[in-house]
PDB file of N, CA and C in Angstrom:
ATOM      1  N   MET A   1       0.712  -1.111  -0.008  1.00  0.00           N
ATOM      2  CA  MET A   1      -0.034   0.046   0.121  1.00  0.00           C
ATOM      3  C   MET A   1       0.994   1.197  -0.041  1.00  0.00           C
ATOM      4  N   ARG A   2       0.762   2.147  -0.955  1.00  0.00           N
ATOM      5  CA  ARG A   2       1.390   3.202  -1.143  1.00  0.00           C
ATOM      6  C   ARG A   2       0.770   4.513  -0.265  1.00  0.00           C
ATOM      7  N   ILE A   3       1.326   5.158   0.538  1.00  0.00           N
ATOM      8  CA  ILE A   3       0.640   6.313   1.292  1.00  0.00           C
ATOM      9  C   ILE A   3       0.484   7.205   0.228  1.00  0.00           C
ATOM     10  N   GLU A   4      -0.631   8.129   0.138  1.00  0.00           N
ATOM     11  CA  GLU A   4      -1.125   8.771  -1.031  1.00  0.00           C
ATOM     12  C   GLU A   4      -0.737  10.450  -0.503  1.00  0.00           C
ATOM     13  N   HIS A   5      -1.249  10.668   0.748  1.00  0.00           N
ATOM     14  CA  HIS A   5      -1.021  11.979   1.329  1.00  0.00           C
ATOM     15  C   HIS A   5      -0.985  11.932   2.763  1.00  0.00           C
ATOM     16  N   LYS A   6      -0.648  13.034   3.318  1.00  0.00           N
ATOM     17  CA  LYS A   6      -0.304  13.172   4.918  1.00  0.00           C
ATOM     18  C   LYS A   6      -1.806  12.782   5.571  1.00  0.00           C
ATOM     19  N   ALA A   7      -1.704  12.220   6.759  1.00  0.00           N
ATOM     20  CA  ALA A   7      -2.833  11.852   7.470  1.00  0.00           C
ATOM     21  C   ALA A   7      -2.808  11.672   8.882  1.00  0.00           C
ATOM     22  N   MET A   8      -3.660  11.857   9.652  1.00  0.00           N
ATOM     23  CA  MET A   8      -3.165  11.815  11.106  1.00  0.00           C
ATOM     24  C   MET A   8      -4.345  11.044  11.562  1.00  0.00           C
ATOM     25  N   ALA A   9      -4.091  10.490  12.953  1.00  0.00           N
ATOM     26  CA  ALA A   9      -5.339   9.820  13.828  1.00  0.00           C
ATOM     27  C   ALA A   9      -4.413   9.730  15.346  1.00  0.00           C
ATOM     28  N   GLY A  10      -5.626   9.987  15.971  1.00  0.00           N
ATOM     29  CA  GLY A  10      -5.292  10.131  17.645  1.00  0.00           C
ATOM     30  C   GLY A  10      -5.259  11.477  18.233  1.00  0.00           C
ATOM     31  N   THR A  11      -4.868  11.713  19.517  1.00  0.00           N
ATOM     32  CA  THR A  11      -4.876  13.061  20.145  1.00  0.00           C
ATOM     33  C   THR A  11      -3.606  12.987  20.812  1.00  0.00           C
ATOM     34  N   LEU A  12      -3.419  14.081  21.484  1.00  0.00           N
ATOM     35  CA  LEU A  12      -2.235  14.134  22.610  1.00  0.00           C
ATOM     36  C   LEU A  12      -2.657  14.187  24.010  1.00  0.00           C
ATOM     37  N   GLU A  13      -3.914  13.563  24.126  1.00  0.00           N
ATOM     38  CA  GLU A  13      -4.436  13.321  25.482  1.00  0.00           C
ATOM     39  C   GLU A  13      -3.692  12.287  26.306  1.00  0.00           C
ATOM     40  N   SER A  14      -3.741  12.302  27.418  1.00  0.00           N
ATOM     41  CA  SER A  14      -3.066  11.139  28.301  1.00  0.00           C
ATOM     42  C   SER A  14      -3.529   9.754  27.952  1.00  0.00           C
ATOM     43  N   SER A  15      -2.548   8.872  27.689  1.00  0.00           N
ATOM     44  CA  SER A  15      -3.084   7.436  27.321  1.00  0.00           C
ATOM     45  C   SER A  15      -3.448   7.234  25.923  1.00  0.00           C
ATOM     46  N   ASP A  16      -3.067   8.314  24.905  1.00  0.00           N
ATOM     47  CA  ASP A  16      -3.404   8.255  23.492  1.00  0.00           C
ATOM     48  C   ASP A  16      -2.214   8.246  23.087  1.00  0.00           C
ATOM     49  N   VAL A  17      -2.297   8.410  21.545  1.00  0.00           N
ATOM     50  CA  VAL A  17      -1.008   8.626  20.828  1.00  0.00           C
ATOM     51  C   VAL A  17      -1.473   9.236  19.656  1.00  0.00           C
ATOM     52  N   MET A  18      -0.767  10.156  18.996  1.00  0.00           N
ATOM     53  CA  MET A  18      -0.883  11.026  17.828  1.00  0.00           C
ATOM     54  C   MET A  18      -0.006  10.440  16.732  1.00  0.00           C
ATOM     55  N   VAL A  19      -0.529   9.996  15.693  1.00  0.00           N
ATOM     56  CA  VAL A  19       0.092   9.282  14.646  1.00  0.00           C
ATOM     57  C   VAL A  19       0.032   9.974  13.467  1.00  0.00           C
ATOM     58  N   THR A  20       0.939  10.355  12.747  1.00  0.00           N
ATOM     59  CA  THR A  20       1.044  10.964  11.360  1.00  0.00           C
ATOM     60  C   THR A  20       1.817  10.159  10.212  1.00  0.00           C
ATOM     61  N   VAL A  21       1.012  10.072   8.993  1.00  0.00           N
ATOM     62  CA  VAL A  21       1.944   9.246   8.161  1.00  0.00           C
ATOM     63  C   VAL A  21       1.904  10.141   6.778  1.00  0.00           C
ATOM     64  N   GLU A  22       3.069  10.110   6.194  1.00  0.00           N
ATOM     65  CA  GLU A  22       3.209  10.739   5.075  1.00  0.00           C
ATOM     66  C   GLU A  22       4.118   9.900   3.873  1.00  0.00           C
ATOM     67  N   PRO A  23       3.826  10.472   2.660  1.00  0.00           N
ATOM     68  CA  PRO A  23       4.619   9.715   1.930  1.00  0.00           C
ATOM     69  C   PRO A  23       6.018   9.898   2.063  1.00  0.00           C
ATOM     70  N   ALA A  24       6.716   8.964   1.549  1.00  0.00           N
ATOM     71  CA  ALA A  24       8.323   8.885   1.561  1.00  0.00           C
ATOM     72  C   ALA A  24       8.801   8.167   0.311  1.00  0.00           C
ATOM     73  N   GLU A  25      10.192   8.577   0.039  1.00  0.00           N
ATOM     74  CA  GLU A  25      10.742   8.021  -1.203  1.00  0.00           C
ATOM     75  C   GLU A  25      10.952   6.447  -1.065  1.00  0.00           C
ATOM     76  N   GLN A  26      11.771   6.209   0.308  1.00  0.00           N
ATOM     77  CA  GLN A  26      12.325   4.861   0.327  1.00  0.00           C
ATOM     78  C   GLN A  26      12.187   4.302   1.769  1.00  0.00           C
ATOM     79  N   GLY A  27      11.600   3.207   1.883  1.00  0.00           N
ATOM     80  CA  GLY A  27      11.590   2.676   3.267  1.00  0.00           C
ATOM     81  C   GLY A  27      10.499   3.354   4.257  1.00  0.00           C
ATOM     82  N   ILE A  28      10.512   2.809   5.408  1.00  0.00           N
ATOM     83  CA  ILE A  28       9.829   3.539   6.499  1.00  0.00           C
ATOM     84  C   ILE A  28      10.862   4.084   7.479  1.00  0.00           C
ATOM     85  N   GLN A  29      10.536   5.499   7.571  1.00  0.00           N
ATOM     86  CA  GLN A  29      11.250   6.473   8.189  1.00  0.00           C
ATOM     87  C   GLN A  29      10.304   6.684   9.491  1.00  0.00           C
ATOM     88  N   LEU A  30      10.838   6.362  10.546  1.00  0.00           N
ATOM     89  CA  LEU A  30      10.123   6.229  11.984  1.00  0.00           C
ATOM     90  C   LEU A  30      10.538   7.277  12.890  1.00  0.00           C
ATOM     91  N   SER A  31       9.571   8.186  13.536  1.00  0.00           N
ATOM     92  CA  SER A  31      10.145   9.277  14.375  1.00  0.00           C
ATOM     93  C   SER A  31       9.232   8.905  15.630  1.00  0.00           C
ATOM     94  N   ILE A  32       9.638   8.667  16.913  1.00  0.00           N
ATOM     95  CA  ILE A  32       9.016   8.368  18.197  1.00  0.00           C
ATOM     96  C   ILE A  32       9.416   9.390  19.074  1.00  0.00           C
ATOM     97  N   THR A  33       8.275   9.915  19.604  1.00  0.00           N
ATOM     98  CA  THR A  33       8.444  10.768  20.899  1.00  0.00           C
ATOM     99  C   THR A  33       7.520  10.318  21.968  1.00  0.00           C
ATOM    100  N   SER A  34       8.136  10.282  23.139  1.00  0.00           N
ATOM    101  CA  SER A  34       7.233   9.543  24.139  1.00  0.00           C
ATOM    102  C   SER A  34       7.934   9.888  25.606  1.00  0.00           C
ATOM    103  N   PRO A  35       7.154  10.012  26.629  1.00  0.00           N
ATOM    104  CA  PRO A  35       7.670  10.380  28.003  1.00  0.00           C
ATOM    105  C   PRO A  35       8.189   8.880  28.516  1.00  0.00           C
ATOM    106  N   VAL A  36       7.653   7.888  28.036  1.00  0.00           N
ATOM    107  CA  VAL A  36       8.331   6.610  28.308  1.00  0.00           C
ATOM    108  C   VAL A  36       9.080   5.671  27.448  1.00  0.00           C
ATOM    109  N   ILE A  37       9.882   6.612  26.462  1.00  0.00           N
ATOM    110  CA  ILE A  37      10.619   6.048  25.472  1.00  0.00           C
ATOM    111  C   ILE A  37      11.784   5.241  26.084  1.00  0.00           C
ATOM    112  N   ARG A  38      12.252   5.156  27.086  1.00  0.00           N
ATOM    113  CA  ARG A  38      13.369   4.438  27.660  1.00  0.00           C
ATOM    114  C   ARG A  38      12.801   3.176  28.064  1.00  0.00           C
ATOM    115  N   GLN A  39      11.521   3.216  28.698  1.00  0.00           N
ATOM    116  CA  GLN A  39      11.063   1.958  29.047  1.00  0.00           C
ATOM    117  C   GLN A  39      10.489   1.227  27.663  1.00  0.00           C
ATOM    118  N   PHE A  40       9.809   1.942  26.934  1.00  0.00           N
ATOM    119  CA  PHE A  40       8.829   1.114  25.841  1.00  0.00           C
ATOM    120  C   PHE A  40       9.199   1.502  24.538  1.00  0.00           C
ATOM    121  N   GLY A  41      10.414   2.208  24.286  1.00  0.00           N
ATOM    122  CA  GLY A  41      10.761   2.654  22.966  1.00  0.00           C
ATOM    123  C   GLY A  41      10.924   1.492  22.042  1.00  0.00           C
ATOM    124  N   ARG A  42      11.541   0.447  22.350  1.00  0.00           N
ATOM    125  CA  ARG A  42      11.571  -0.830  21.656  1.00  0.00           C
ATOM    126  C   ARG A  42      10.320  -1.193  21.118  1.00  0.00           C
ATOM    127  N   ALA A  43       9.432  -1.359  22.053  1.00  0.00           N
ATOM    128  CA  ALA A  43       8.304  -2.116  21.868  1.00  0.00           C
ATOM    129  C   ALA A  43       7.294  -1.226  21.114  1.00  0.00           C
ATOM    130  N   ILE A  44       7.281   0.121  21.119  1.00  0.00           N
ATOM    131  CA  ILE A  44       6.667   1.082  20.309  1.00  0.00           C
ATOM    132  C   ILE A  44       7.065   1.054  18.856  1.00  0.00           C
ATOM    133  N   LYS A  45       8.381   0.907  18.629  1.00  0.00           N
ATOM    134  CA  LYS A  45       9.014   0.769  17.480  1.00  0.00           C
ATOM    135  C   LYS A  45       8.655  -0.557  16.814  1.00  0.00           C
ATOM    136  N   GLN A  46       8.559  -1.558  17.533  1.00  0.00           N
ATOM    137  CA  GLN A  46       8.220  -2.980  16.773  1.00  0.00           C
ATOM    138  C   GLN A  46       6.753  -3.066  16.369  1.00  0.00           C
ATOM    139  N   THR A  47       5.839  -2.581  17.403  1.00  0.00           N
ATOM    140  CA  THR A  47       4.490  -2.414  17.013  1.00  0.00           C
ATOM    141  C   THR A  47       4.254  -1.550  15.629  1.00  0.00           C
ATOM    142  N   ALA A  48       5.002  -0.507  15.549  1.00  0.00           N
ATOM    143  CA  ALA A  48       4.712   0.496  14.488  1.00  0.00           C
ATOM    144  C   ALA A  48       5.220  -0.409  13.280  1.00  0.00           C
ATOM    145  N   LEU A  49       6.312  -0.841  13.225  1.00  0.00           N
ATOM    146  CA  LEU A  49       6.992  -1.683  12.293  1.00  0.00           C
ATOM    147  C   LEU A  49       6.269  -3.009  11.609  1.00  0.00           C
ATOM    148  N   GLU A  50       5.685  -3.621  12.757  1.00  0.00           N
ATOM    149  CA  GLU A  50       5.042  -4.835  12.362  1.00  0.00           C
ATOM    150  C   GLU A  50       3.454  -4.330  11.796  1.00  0.00           C
ATOM    151  N   THR A  51       2.957  -3.325  12.342  1.00  0.00           N
ATOM    152  CA  THR A  51       1.694  -2.741  11.680  1.00  0.00           C
ATOM    153  C   THR A  51       1.924  -2.250  10.253  1.00  0.00           C
ATOM    154  N   MET A  52       2.887  -1.684   9.901  1.00  0.00           N
ATOM    155  CA  MET A  52       3.146  -0.991   8.495  1.00  0.00           C
ATOM    156  C   MET A  52       3.514  -2.401   7.794  1.00  0.00           C
ATOM    157  N   GLU A  53       4.044  -3.305   8.166  1.00  0.00           N
ATOM    158  CA  GLU A  53       4.235  -4.492   7.493  1.00  0.00           C
ATOM    159  C   GLU A  53       2.979  -5.204   7.075  1.00  0.00           C
ATOM    160  N   ARG A  54       2.348  -5.404   8.032  1.00  0.00           N
ATOM    161  CA  ARG A  54       0.953  -6.120   7.987  1.00  0.00           C
ATOM    162  C   ARG A  54       0.038  -5.505   6.864  1.00  0.00           C
ATOM    163  N   LEU A  55       0.080  -4.109   6.993  1.00  0.00           N
ATOM    164  CA  LEU A  55      -0.757  -3.378   5.969  1.00  0.00           C
ATOM    165  C   LEU A  55      -0.094  -3.047   4.624  1.00  0.00           C
ATOM    166  N   GLY A  56       1.214  -3.711   4.617  1.00  0.00           N
ATOM    167  CA  GLY A  56       1.788  -3.658   3.197  1.00  0.00           C
ATOM    168  C   GLY A  56       2.273  -2.137   3.048  1.00  0.00           C
ATOM    169  N   VAL A  57       2.305  -1.365   3.907  1.00  0.00           N
ATOM    170  CA  VAL A  57       3.161   0.008   3.602  1.00  0.00           C
ATOM    171  C   VAL A  57       4.608  -0.283   3.726  1.00  0.00           C
ATOM    172  N   ILE A  58       5.340   0.110   2.443  1.00  0.00           N
ATOM    173  CA  ILE A  58       6.766  -0.047   2.352  1.00  0.00           C
ATOM    174  C   ILE A  58       7.361   1.269   2.202  1.00  0.00           C
ATOM    175  N   ASP A  59       6.737   2.395   1.974  1.00  0.00           N
ATOM    176  CA  ASP A  59       7.375   3.762   1.942  1.00  0.00           C
ATOM    177  C   ASP A  59       6.586   4.899   2.611  1.00  0.00           C
ATOM    178  N   ALA A  60       7.004   5.151   3.524  1.00  0.00           N
ATOM    179  CA  ALA A  60       6.217   6.213   4.470  1.00  0.00           C
ATOM    180  C   ALA A  60       7.121   6.737   5.614  1.00  0.00           C
ATOM    181  N   LYS A  61       6.903   8.042   5.849  1.00  0.00           N
ATOM    182  CA  LYS A  61       7.240   8.658   7.308  1.00  0.00           C
ATOM    183  C   LYS A  61       6.357   8.567   8.123  1.00  0.00           C
ATOM    184  N   VAL A  62       6.696   8.117   9.278  1.00  0.00           N
ATOM    185  CA  VAL A  62       5.679   7.858  10.325  1.00  0.00           C
ATOM    186  C   VAL A  62       5.976   8.438  11.641  1.00  0.00           C
ATOM    187  N   THR A  63       5.346   9.210  12.112  1.00  0.00           N
ATOM    188  CA  THR A  63       5.744  10.154  13.263  1.00  0.00           C
ATOM    189  C   THR A  63       4.634   9.918  14.251  1.00  0.00           C
ATOM    190  N   ILE A  64       5.159   9.465  15.637  1.00  0.00           N
ATOM    191  CA  ILE A  64       4.278   8.855  16.655  1.00  0.00           C
ATOM    192  C   ILE A  64       4.730   9.699  17.634  1.00  0.00           C
ATOM    193  N   VAL A  65       3.776  10.433  18.344  1.00  0.00           N
ATOM    194  CA  VAL A  65       3.792  10.993  19.663  1.00  0.00           C
ATOM    195  C   VAL A  65       2.979  10.628  20.546  1.00  0.00           C
ATOM    196  N   ASP A  66       3.625   9.787  21.444  1.00  0.00           N
ATOM    197  CA  ASP A  66       3.022   8.950  22.377  1.00  0.00           C
ATOM    198  C   ASP A  66       2.768   9.478  23.669  1.00  0.00           C
ATOM    199  N   GLN A  67       1.529   9.399  24.233  1.00  0.00           N
ATOM    200  CA  GLN A  67       1.508   9.838  25.537  1.00  0.00           C
ATOM    201  C   GLN A  67       1.059   8.764  26.603  1.00  0.00           C
ATOM    202  N   GLY A  68       1.755   7.655  26.492  1.00  0.00           N
ATOM    203  CA  GLY A  68       1.497   6.429  27.383  1.00  0.00           C
ATOM    204  C   GLY A  68       0.312   5.543  26.783  1.00  0.00           C
ATOM    205  N   ALA A  69       0.124   5.559  25.532  1.00  0.00           N
ATOM    206  CA  ALA A  69      -0.850   4.606  24.788  1.00  0.00           C
ATOM    207  C   ALA A  69      -0.633   3.064  25.080  1.00  0.00           C
ATOM    208  N   LEU A  70      -1.705   2.229  25.201  1.00  0.00           N
ATOM    209  CA  LEU A  70      -1.501   0.763  24.946  1.00  0.00           C
ATOM    210  C   LEU A  70      -1.142   0.634  23.595  1.00  0.00           C
ATOM    211  N   ASP A  71      -0.539  -0.928  23.622  1.00  0.00           N
ATOM    212  CA  ASP A  71      -0.240  -1.316  22.080  1.00  0.00           C
ATOM    213  C   ASP A  71      -1.546  -1.278  21.389  1.00  0.00           C
ATOM    214  N   CYS A  72      -2.677  -1.849  21.568  1.00  0.00           N
ATOM    215  CA  CYS A  72      -3.933  -1.784  21.062  1.00  0.00           C
ATOM    216  C   CYS A  72      -4.107  -0.512  20.306  1.00  0.00           C
ATOM    217  N   THR A  73      -3.953   0.514  21.062  1.00  0.00           N
ATOM    218  CA  THR A  73      -4.117   1.756  20.800  1.00  0.00           C
ATOM    219  C   THR A  73      -3.277   2.430  19.739  1.00  0.00           C
ATOM    220  N   LEU A  74      -2.069   1.981  19.836  1.00  0.00           N
ATOM    221  CA  LEU A  74      -1.014   2.408  18.864  1.00  0.00           C
ATOM    222  C   LEU A  74      -1.384   1.786  17.559  1.00  0.00           C
ATOM    223  N   LYS A  75      -1.771   0.431  17.606  1.00  0.00           N
ATOM    224  CA  LYS A  75      -2.174  -0.282  16.465  1.00  0.00           C
ATOM    225  C   LYS A  75      -3.202   0.426  15.508  1.00  0.00           C
ATOM    226  N   ALA A  76      -4.218   0.761  16.391  1.00  0.00           N
ATOM    227  CA  ALA A  76      -5.757   1.371  15.887  1.00  0.00           C
ATOM    228  C   ALA A  76      -5.360   2.689  15.289  1.00  0.00           C
ATOM    229  N   ARG A  77      -4.544   3.688  15.928  1.00  0.00           N
ATOM    230  CA  ARG A  77      -4.095   4.691  15.425  1.00  0.00           C
ATOM    231  C   ARG A  77      -3.238   4.716  14.121  1.00  0.00           C
ATOM    232  N   LEU A  78      -2.308   3.778  14.082  1.00  0.00           N
ATOM    233  CA  LEU A  78      -1.548   3.603  12.727  1.00  0.00           C
ATOM    234  C   LEU A  78      -2.498   3.066  11.647  1.00  0.00           C
ATOM    235  N   GLU A  79      -3.241   2.204  11.961  1.00  0.00           N
ATOM    236  CA  GLU A  79      -4.220   1.529  10.838  1.00  0.00           C
ATOM    237  C   GLU A  79      -5.289   3.000  10.357  1.00  0.00           C
ATOM    238  N   SER A  80      -5.824   3.576  11.302  1.00  0.00           N
ATOM    239  CA  SER A  80      -6.541   4.841  10.859  1.00  0.00           C
ATOM    240  C   SER A  80      -5.641   5.818  10.138  1.00  0.00           C
ATOM    241  N   ALA A  81      -4.735   6.228  10.453  1.00  0.00           N
ATOM    242  CA  ALA A  81      -3.982   7.215   9.596  1.00  0.00           C
ATOM    243  C   ALA A  81      -3.539   6.551   8.295  1.00  0.00           C
ATOM    244  N   VAL A  82      -3.133   5.367   8.028  1.00  0.00           N
ATOM    245  CA  VAL A  82      -2.967   4.727   6.828  1.00  0.00           C
ATOM    246  C   VAL A  82      -4.203   4.790   6.022  1.00  0.00           C
ATOM    247  N   TYR A  83      -5.200   4.184   6.652  1.00  0.00           N
ATOM    248  CA  TYR A  83      -6.445   4.184   5.756  1.00  0.00           C
ATOM    249  C   TYR A  83      -6.890   5.600   5.266  1.00  0.00           C
ATOM    250  N   ARG A  84      -6.934   6.475   6.126  1.00  0.00           N
ATOM    251  CA  ARG A  84      -7.018   7.820   5.735  1.00  0.00           C
ATOM    252  C   ARG A  84      -6.192   8.400   4.922  1.00  0.00           C
ATOM    253  N   SER A  85      -4.943   8.103   4.731  1.00  0.00           N
ATOM    254  CA  SER A  85      -4.003   8.556   3.727  1.00  0.00           C
ATOM    255  C   SER A  85      -4.333   7.948   2.491  1.00  0.00           C
ATOM    256  N   VAL A  86      -4.996   6.754   2.252  1.00  0.00           N
ATOM    257  CA  VAL A  86      -5.306   6.407   0.931  1.00  0.00           C
ATOM    258  C   VAL A  86      -6.748   6.469   0.497  1.00  0.00           C
ATOM    259  N   GLY A  87      -7.550   7.031   1.421  1.00  0.00           N
ATOM    260  CA  GLY A  87      -8.911   7.502   1.030  1.00  0.00           C
ATOM    261  C   GLY A  87      -9.685   6.396   1.287  1.00  0.00           C
ATOM    262  N   ILE A  88      -9.373   5.148   2.147  1.00  0.00           N
ATOM    263  CA  ILE A  88     -10.296   4.106   2.325  1.00  0.00           C
ATOM    264  C   ILE A  88     -11.294   4.442   3.692  1.00  0.00           C
ATOM    265  N   THR A  89     -12.604   4.792   3.402  1.00  0.00           N
ATOM    266  CA  THR A  89     -13.538   5.193   4.232  1.00  0.00           C
ATOM    267  C   THR A  89     -14.708   4.102   4.573  1.00  0.00           C
ATOM    268  N   GLU A  90     -14.638   3.289   3.947  1.00  0.00           N
ATOM    269  CA  GLU A  90     -15.799   2.082   4.168  1.00  0.00           C
ATOM    270  C   GLU A  90     -15.358   0.924   3.893  1.00  0.00           C
ATOM    271  N   ASN A  91     -15.890  -0.038   4.435  1.00  0.00           N
ATOM    272  CA  ASN A  91     -15.544  -1.553   4.777  1.00  0.00           C
ATOM    273  C   ASN A  91     -14.145  -1.684   4.829  1.00  0.00           C
ATOM    274  N   ILE A  92     -13.893  -0.922   6.087  1.00  0.00           N
ATOM    275  CA  ILE A  92     -12.476  -1.051   6.656  1.00  0.00           C
ATOM    276  C   ILE A  92     -11.925  -2.258   7.197  1.00  0.00           C
ATOM    277  N   PRO A  93     -11.093  -2.947   6.938  1.00  0.00           N
ATOM    278  CA  PRO A  93     -10.664  -4.334   7.359  1.00  0.00           C
ATOM    279  C   PRO A  93      -9.860  -4.388   8.726  1.00  0.00           C
ATOM    280  N   TRP A  94     -10.411  -3.706   9.846  1.00  0.00           N
ATOM    281  CA  TRP A  94      -9.672  -3.512  10.997  1.00  0.00           C
ATOM    282  C   TRP A  94      -8.883  -4.539  11.558  1.00  0.00           C
ATOM    283  N   GLY A  95      -7.602  -4.523  11.693  1.00  0.00           N
ATOM    284  CA  GLY A  95      -6.968  -5.686  12.618  1.00  0.00           C
ATOM    285  C   GLY A  95      -6.729  -7.016  11.558  1.00  0.00           C
ATOM    286  N   ARG A  96      -7.151  -6.937  10.401  1.00  0.00           N
ATOM    287  CA  ARG A  96      -6.893  -8.238   9.566  1.00  0.00           C
ATOM    288  C   ARG A  96      -5.711  -8.364   9.219  1.00  0.00           C
ATOM    289  N   ASP A  97      -5.310  -9.724   9.007  1.00  0.00           N
ATOM    290  CA  ASP A  97      -4.147  -9.957   8.604  1.00  0.00           C
ATOM    291  C   ASP A  97      -3.899  -9.565   6.944  1.00  0.00           C
ATOM    292  N   ASN A  98      -4.856  -9.950   6.225  1.00  0.00           N
ATOM    293  CA  ASN A  98      -5.037  -9.662   4.780  1.00  0.00           C
ATOM    294  C   ASN A  98      -5.591  -8.492   4.428  1.00  0.00           C
ATOM    295  N   VAL A  99      -5.074  -7.414   4.163  1.00  0.00           N
ATOM    296  CA  VAL A  99      -5.796  -6.046   3.895  1.00  0.00           C
ATOM    297  C   VAL A  99      -6.125  -6.134   2.199  1.00  0.00           C
TER     298      VAL A  99
END
């Protein structure tokens, strides 16, 4: 799946995460900001990369501003931002392996 335009999902409220995806030339460029980056940075990165791979996204700039979100919230925000960026608004295959 190719990111077509910049899209966002989430908020900056406590226990949430703001995700922005944008087109990129090559590969997944990941930027993570979080008050718990020392404890959970690797897990946040792994979840983001696994979700992008599952969705078939190969080229994207992904910015994550975490406020202590759970893993399931991060996945949902990533999916929402990706689907918004490609204009998918109906029959969304939430959480499925095959998109």
